[in-house]
């Protein structure tokens, strides 16, 4: 069942990314406001999909507010980092956020794994770095020999905050479930996304007031659809967190997403890939198989 949730998470993630990318390329106005709309509709998904009635225990508000800050910071500082710095380097550093939950599970939760799991982890990391290495070679070949990439201190701070924020989202969710159980996932995400929505919209109204009407007219449908997919993605993620240890869940999710990233590029965006990237796909699939086999060793 956990694999099904991870597959739902991966496909919803790609649907959201493609909608956001299409909006950005076609219109590109109101980044904060647009992301605020996404968070708003993601919150609506958790309100509508709740079936057991709403229950907000006092302890939940602490975790929900912390997670709201992480979500809002992830959205906001990712926007800043990609605006100020090189896309490839920013993506590479921010993408390493998956390391935090792995080591938190292994060293702080005492999650024990067998040799098959560690072999799968090795395949996952190798697949991830092969994908990044090929992107680096492709980007480098496009640059002139005299071109230099300037990375400011503001970019570094924004990128590191994005890295830490994204890395700790799964950790906080696991802590919340361990303390309060898995029956209030919807309430947890309602608090999280309402806080993130408020943060992003307030910034948007201050910084992007001139784009307000245009953003909601042009991006309303894109933001609503992306927000619903974001809700599905996060709902599946919380369900999988409840079923698997973090040290296993995070690399397995990466193992599924890495080859899917490349396949989307091949079949949707008609991109060309190198032999090493096909090896990356194979290693990602192998990691998923080894993770499943590890349960029977």
Protein backbone atom coordinates (compact mmCIF):
# COMPACT_ATOMS: atom_id res chain seq x y z
CA UNK A 1 0.00 0.00 0.00
CA UNK A 2 2.90 2.34 0.76
CA UNK A 3 4.19 1.94 -2.81
CA UNK A 4 0.77 2.96 -4.15
CA UNK A 5 0.83 6.11 -2.02
CA UNK A 6 4.33 6.92 -3.24
CA UNK A 7 3.26 6.47 -6.87
CA UNK A 8 0.27 8.78 -6.29
CA UNK A 9 2.63 11.26 -4.66
CA UNK A 10 5.04 11.14 -7.62
CA UNK A 11 2.39 11.54 -10.34
CA UNK A 12 0.59 14.34 -8.47
CA UNK A 13 3.95 16.06 -7.97
CA UNK A 14 4.70 16.00 -11.69
CA UNK A 15 1.22 17.21 -12.58
CA UNK A 16 1.65 20.15 -10.21
CA UNK A 17 5.12 20.98 -11.54
CA UNK A 18 3.95 20.89 -15.17
CA UNK A 19 1.03 23.23 -14.42
CA UNK A 20 3.26 25.68 -12.54
CA UNK A 21 5.91 25.53 -15.24
CA UNK A 22 3.34 26.13 -18.01
CA UNK A 23 1.89 29.12 -16.15
CA UNK A 24 5.35 30.54 -15.49
CA UNK A 25 6.42 30.26 -19.12
CA UNK A 26 3.14 31.59 -20.53
CA UNK A 27 2.41 34.41 -18.03
CA UNK A 28 4.94 34.52 -15.16
CA UNK A 29 3.23 37.25 -13.14
CA UNK A 30 2.70 37.31 -9.37
CA UNK A 31 4.94 34.53 -8.06
CA UNK A 32 3.90 34.99 -4.42
CA UNK A 33 0.21 35.41 -5.22
CA UNK A 34 0.21 32.41 -7.54
CA UNK A 35 1.85 30.18 -4.92
CA UNK A 36 -0.63 31.52 -2.37
CA UNK A 37 -3.48 30.32 -4.61
CA UNK A 38 -1.84 26.88 -4.82
CA UNK A 39 -1.64 26.65 -1.02
CA UNK A 40 -5.24 27.85 -0.69
CA UNK A 41 -6.64 25.15 -2.97
CA UNK A 42 -4.40 22.52 -1.41
CA UNK A 43 -5.98 23.48 1.93
CA UNK A 44 -9.47 23.23 0.39
CA UNK A 45 -8.62 19.68 -0.73
CA UNK A 46 -7.96 18.64 2.88
CA UNK A 47 -11.16 20.34 4.08
CA UNK A 48 -13.33 18.60 1.45
CA UNK A 49 -11.63 15.19 1.76
CA UNK A 50 -12.06 14.95 5.54
CA UNK A 51 -14.58 12.26 6.52
CA UNK A 52 -14.34 11.96 10.29
CA UNK A 53 -15.15 15.49 11.41
CA UNK A 54 -12.58 18.07 12.41
CA UNK A 55 -10.60 17.74 15.61
CA UNK A 56 -7.85 20.20 16.49
CA UNK A 57 -6.10 19.17 19.73
CA UNK A 58 -3.88 21.79 21.34
CA UNK A 59 -0.65 19.95 20.57
CA UNK A 60 -1.49 19.87 16.86
CA UNK A 61 -1.32 23.63 16.56
CA UNK A 62 2.34 23.65 17.54
CA UNK A 63 3.31 21.15 14.82
CA UNK A 64 0.97 22.76 12.28
CA UNK A 65 2.37 26.26 12.81
CA UNK A 66 5.96 25.00 12.63
CA UNK A 67 5.11 23.16 9.41
CA UNK A 68 3.36 26.26 8.02
CA UNK A 69 6.57 28.24 8.56
CA UNK A 70 8.57 25.50 6.80
CA UNK A 71 6.14 25.41 3.86
CA UNK A 72 6.01 29.18 3.49
CA UNK A 73 9.78 29.49 3.82
CA UNK A 74 10.26 26.74 1.24
CA UNK A 75 8.01 28.53 -1.26
CA UNK A 76 9.35 32.00 -0.58
CA UNK A 77 13.08 31.32 -0.37
CA UNK A 78 13.04 28.92 -3.31
CA UNK A 79 11.58 31.79 -5.34
CA UNK A 80 14.37 34.09 -4.09
CA UNK A 81 17.12 31.51 -4.65
CA UNK A 82 16.11 30.71 -8.23
CA UNK A 83 15.73 34.41 -9.00
CA UNK A 84 19.18 35.37 -7.64
CA UNK A 85 21.33 32.38 -8.56
CA UNK A 86 22.17 29.76 -11.11
CA UNK A 87 19.31 27.31 -11.64
CA UNK A 88 21.49 24.20 -11.82
CA UNK A 89 23.51 24.90 -8.67
CA UNK A 90 20.41 25.99 -6.72
CA UNK A 91 18.52 22.87 -7.79
CA UNK A 92 21.46 20.65 -6.90
CA UNK A 93 21.82 22.01 -3.37
CA UNK A 94 18.08 22.24 -2.64
CA UNK A 95 17.60 18.69 -3.97
CA UNK A 96 19.82 17.33 -1.21
CA UNK A 97 17.02 17.97 1.32
CA UNK A 98 16.11 14.27 1.15
CA UNK A 99 19.22 13.51 3.24
CA UNK A 100 17.74 15.06 6.42
CA UNK A 101 14.87 12.58 6.95
CA UNK A 102 17.12 9.62 6.12
CA UNK A 103 19.67 10.45 8.80
CA UNK A 104 17.01 11.58 11.28
CA UNK A 105 15.35 8.18 11.00
CA UNK A 106 18.61 6.25 11.30
CA UNK A 107 20.29 8.22 14.08
CA UNK A 108 17.47 9.81 16.10
CA UNK A 109 14.58 7.36 15.74
CA UNK A 110 16.84 4.30 15.92
CA UNK A 111 15.35 2.79 12.75
CA UNK A 112 17.22 -0.40 11.94
CA UNK A 113 17.71 -1.55 8.36
CA UNK A 114 19.34 -4.59 6.75
CA UNK A 115 21.95 -4.85 4.01
CA UNK A 116 19.32 -4.83 1.23
CA UNK A 117 18.09 -1.44 2.41
CA UNK A 118 21.60 0.01 2.45
CA UNK A 119 22.20 -1.39 -1.03
CA UNK A 120 18.99 0.30 -2.17
CA UNK A 121 20.15 3.54 -0.53
CA UNK A 122 23.40 3.30 -2.47
CA UNK A 123 21.46 2.85 -5.73
CA UNK A 124 19.26 5.83 -4.87
CA UNK A 125 22.16 8.18 -4.15
CA UNK A 126 24.01 6.98 -7.26
CA UNK A 127 20.91 7.50 -9.41
CA UNK A 128 20.42 10.99 -7.97
CA UNK A 129 24.02 12.10 -8.52
CA UNK A 130 24.17 10.63 -12.04
CA UNK A 131 21.12 12.69 -12.94
CA UNK A 132 22.73 15.84 -11.52
CA UNK A 133 26.09 15.08 -13.16
CA UNK A 134 24.51 14.83 -16.59
CA UNK A 135 22.62 18.08 -16.06
CA UNK A 136 25.91 19.72 -15.08
CA UNK A 137 27.66 18.47 -18.23
CA UNK A 138 24.77 19.63 -20.41
CA UNK A 139 24.71 23.10 -18.83
CA UNK A 140 28.48 23.42 -18.93
CA UNK A 141 28.61 22.58 -22.64
CA UNK A 142 26.20 25.45 -23.36
CA UNK A 143 28.28 28.09 -21.59
CA UNK A 144 30.99 30.18 -23.14
CA UNK A 145 34.47 29.69 -21.71
CA UNK A 146 34.54 33.28 -20.46
CA UNK A 147 31.12 33.18 -18.76
CA UNK A 148 31.15 33.26 -14.97
CA UNK A 149 28.42 32.44 -12.48
CA UNK A 150 28.12 34.94 -9.62
CA UNK A 151 26.60 33.61 -6.42
CA UNK A 152 25.69 36.25 -3.87
CA UNK A 153 25.45 35.88 -0.10
CA UNK A 154 21.69 36.49 -0.34
CA UNK A 155 21.41 33.59 -2.81
CA UNK A 156 23.39 31.33 -0.46
CA UNK A 157 21.17 32.15 2.53
CA UNK A 158 17.97 31.63 0.49
CA UNK A 159 19.20 28.31 -0.92
CA UNK A 160 20.24 26.97 2.48
CA UNK A 161 16.90 27.97 4.04
CA UNK A 162 15.11 26.19 1.17
CA UNK A 163 17.26 23.10 1.74
CA UNK A 164 16.60 22.98 5.48
CA UNK A 165 12.88 23.82 5.18
CA UNK A 166 12.17 21.08 2.65
CA UNK A 167 14.28 18.61 4.60
CA UNK A 168 12.43 19.12 7.87
CA UNK A 169 8.87 18.93 6.52
CA UNK A 170 8.83 15.10 6.62
CA UNK A 171 10.58 15.09 10.00
CA UNK A 172 7.96 17.36 11.61
CA UNK A 173 5.16 15.24 10.09
CA UNK A 174 6.69 12.08 11.57
CA UNK A 175 7.03 13.76 14.97
CA UNK A 176 3.40 14.88 14.85
CA UNK A 177 2.17 11.41 13.96
CA UNK A 178 4.28 9.81 16.70
CA UNK A 179 2.85 12.22 19.28
CA UNK A 180 -0.78 12.56 18.16
CA UNK A 181 -1.44 9.62 15.81
CA UNK A 182 -2.37 9.48 12.13
CA UNK A 183 -6.09 10.23 12.44
CA UNK A 184 -5.72 14.01 12.21
CA UNK A 185 -3.60 14.33 9.06
CA UNK A 186 -6.23 16.53 7.39
CA UNK A 187 -6.39 18.90 10.34
CA UNK A 188 -2.59 19.05 10.42
CA UNK A 189 -2.41 20.05 6.75
CA UNK A 190 -5.29 22.54 7.10
CA UNK A 191 -3.32 24.42 9.77
CA UNK A 192 -0.12 24.13 7.73
CA UNK A 193 -1.55 25.30 4.42
CA UNK A 194 -3.74 28.04 5.86
CA UNK A 195 -0.66 29.52 7.53
CA UNK A 196 1.41 29.21 4.34
CA UNK A 197 -1.43 30.73 2.29
CA UNK A 198 -1.64 33.72 4.63
CA UNK A 199 2.11 34.26 4.56
CA UNK A 200 2.39 34.13 0.76
CA UNK A 201 -0.70 36.22 0.04
CA UNK A 202 0.35 38.95 2.48
CA UNK A 203 3.76 39.17 0.81
CA UNK A 204 2.06 39.07 -2.60
CA UNK A 205 -0.29 41.93 -1.75
CA UNK A 206 2.68 44.00 -0.57
CA UNK A 207 5.17 43.19 -3.32
CA UNK A 208 2.98 42.31 -6.32
CA UNK A 209 -0.04 44.56 -5.93
CA UNK A 210 0.24 45.74 -9.52
CA UNK A 211 -0.02 42.13 -10.75
CA UNK A 212 -2.97 41.21 -8.51
CA UNK A 213 -5.77 41.27 -11.10
CA UNK A 214 -3.68 39.76 -13.87
CA UNK A 215 -2.40 36.93 -11.65
CA UNK A 216 -5.84 35.83 -10.50
CA UNK A 217 -7.37 36.08 -13.99
CA UNK A 218 -4.54 34.33 -15.83
CA UNK A 219 -3.34 32.03 -13.07
CA UNK A 220 -6.53 31.22 -11.16
CA UNK A 221 -7.31 28.00 -13.00
CA UNK A 222 -3.65 26.90 -13.06
CA UNK A 223 -3.26 27.65 -9.35
CA UNK A 224 -6.49 25.86 -8.41
CA UNK A 225 -5.56 22.71 -10.36
CA UNK A 226 -1.98 22.77 -9.06
CA UNK A 227 -3.27 23.28 -5.52
CA UNK A 228 -5.58 20.27 -5.70
CA UNK A 229 -2.70 18.14 -7.01
CA UNK A 230 -0.53 19.52 -4.21
CA UNK A 231 -3.20 18.38 -1.73
CA UNK A 232 -3.28 14.89 -3.25
CA UNK A 233 0.54 14.79 -3.18
CA UNK A 234 0.75 15.81 0.47
CA UNK A 235 -2.10 13.51 1.49
CA UNK A 236 -0.34 10.54 -0.11
CA UNK A 237 2.93 11.62 1.49
CA UNK A 238 1.40 11.70 4.99
CA UNK A 239 -0.20 8.29 4.42
CA UNK A 240 3.15 6.81 3.37
CA UNK A 241 4.95 8.45 6.33
CA UNK A 242 2.57 6.60 8.65
CA UNK A 243 3.42 3.25 7.01
CA UNK A 244 7.19 3.40 6.50
CA UNK A 245 10.24 4.48 8.52
CA UNK A 246 11.72 7.78 7.34
CA UNK A 247 15.10 6.24 6.57
CA UNK A 248 13.37 3.94 4.08
CA UNK A 249 10.56 6.21 2.88
CA UNK A 250 12.64 9.16 1.70
CA UNK A 251 15.10 7.26 -0.52
CA UNK A 252 12.28 5.12 -1.90
CA UNK A 253 10.36 8.26 -2.85
CA UNK A 254 13.52 9.63 -4.49
CA UNK A 255 14.05 6.32 -6.29
CA UNK A 256 10.56 6.57 -7.80
CA UNK A 257 10.78 10.27 -8.68
CA UNK A 258 14.27 10.25 -10.24
CA UNK A 259 13.49 7.95 -13.18
CA UNK A 260 10.02 9.49 -13.52
CA UNK A 261 11.64 12.94 -13.85
CA UNK A 262 13.65 11.71 -16.80
CA UNK A 263 10.74 9.84 -18.39
CA UNK A 264 8.57 12.96 -18.20
CA UNK A 265 11.36 14.85 -19.95
CA UNK A 266 11.54 12.21 -22.70
CA UNK A 267 7.85 11.72 -23.42
CA UNK A 268 6.32 15.07 -22.42
CA UNK A 269 9.04 17.61 -23.19
CA UNK A 270 10.86 15.55 -25.88
CA UNK A 271 14.26 16.02 -24.25
CA UNK A 272 17.28 13.94 -25.22
CA UNK A 273 19.31 12.01 -22.64
CA UNK A 274 22.70 10.40 -22.39
CA UNK A 275 23.48 6.73 -21.64
CA UNK A 276 24.35 7.63 -18.02
CA UNK A 277 20.89 9.10 -17.52
CA UNK A 278 19.34 5.85 -18.71
CA UNK A 279 21.57 4.11 -16.17
CA UNK A 280 20.11 6.54 -13.60
CA UNK A 281 16.60 5.38 -14.53
CA UNK A 282 17.60 1.75 -14.14
CA UNK A 283 19.22 2.37 -10.75
CA UNK A 284 16.11 4.18 -9.54
CA UNK A 285 13.91 1.24 -10.51
CA UNK A 286 16.39 -1.21 -8.94
CA UNK A 287 16.34 0.79 -5.69
CA UNK A 288 12.57 0.44 -5.51
CA UNK A 289 12.79 -3.32 -6.06
CA UNK A 290 15.51 -3.69 -3.41
CA UNK A 291 13.47 -1.68 -0.89
CA UNK A 292 10.60 -4.11 -1.35
CA UNK A 293 12.91 -7.15 -1.18
CA UNK A 294 14.43 -5.80 2.05
CA UNK A 295 11.16 -6.49 3.88
CA UNK A 296 11.57 -10.24 3.28
CA UNK A 297 15.25 -10.58 4.22
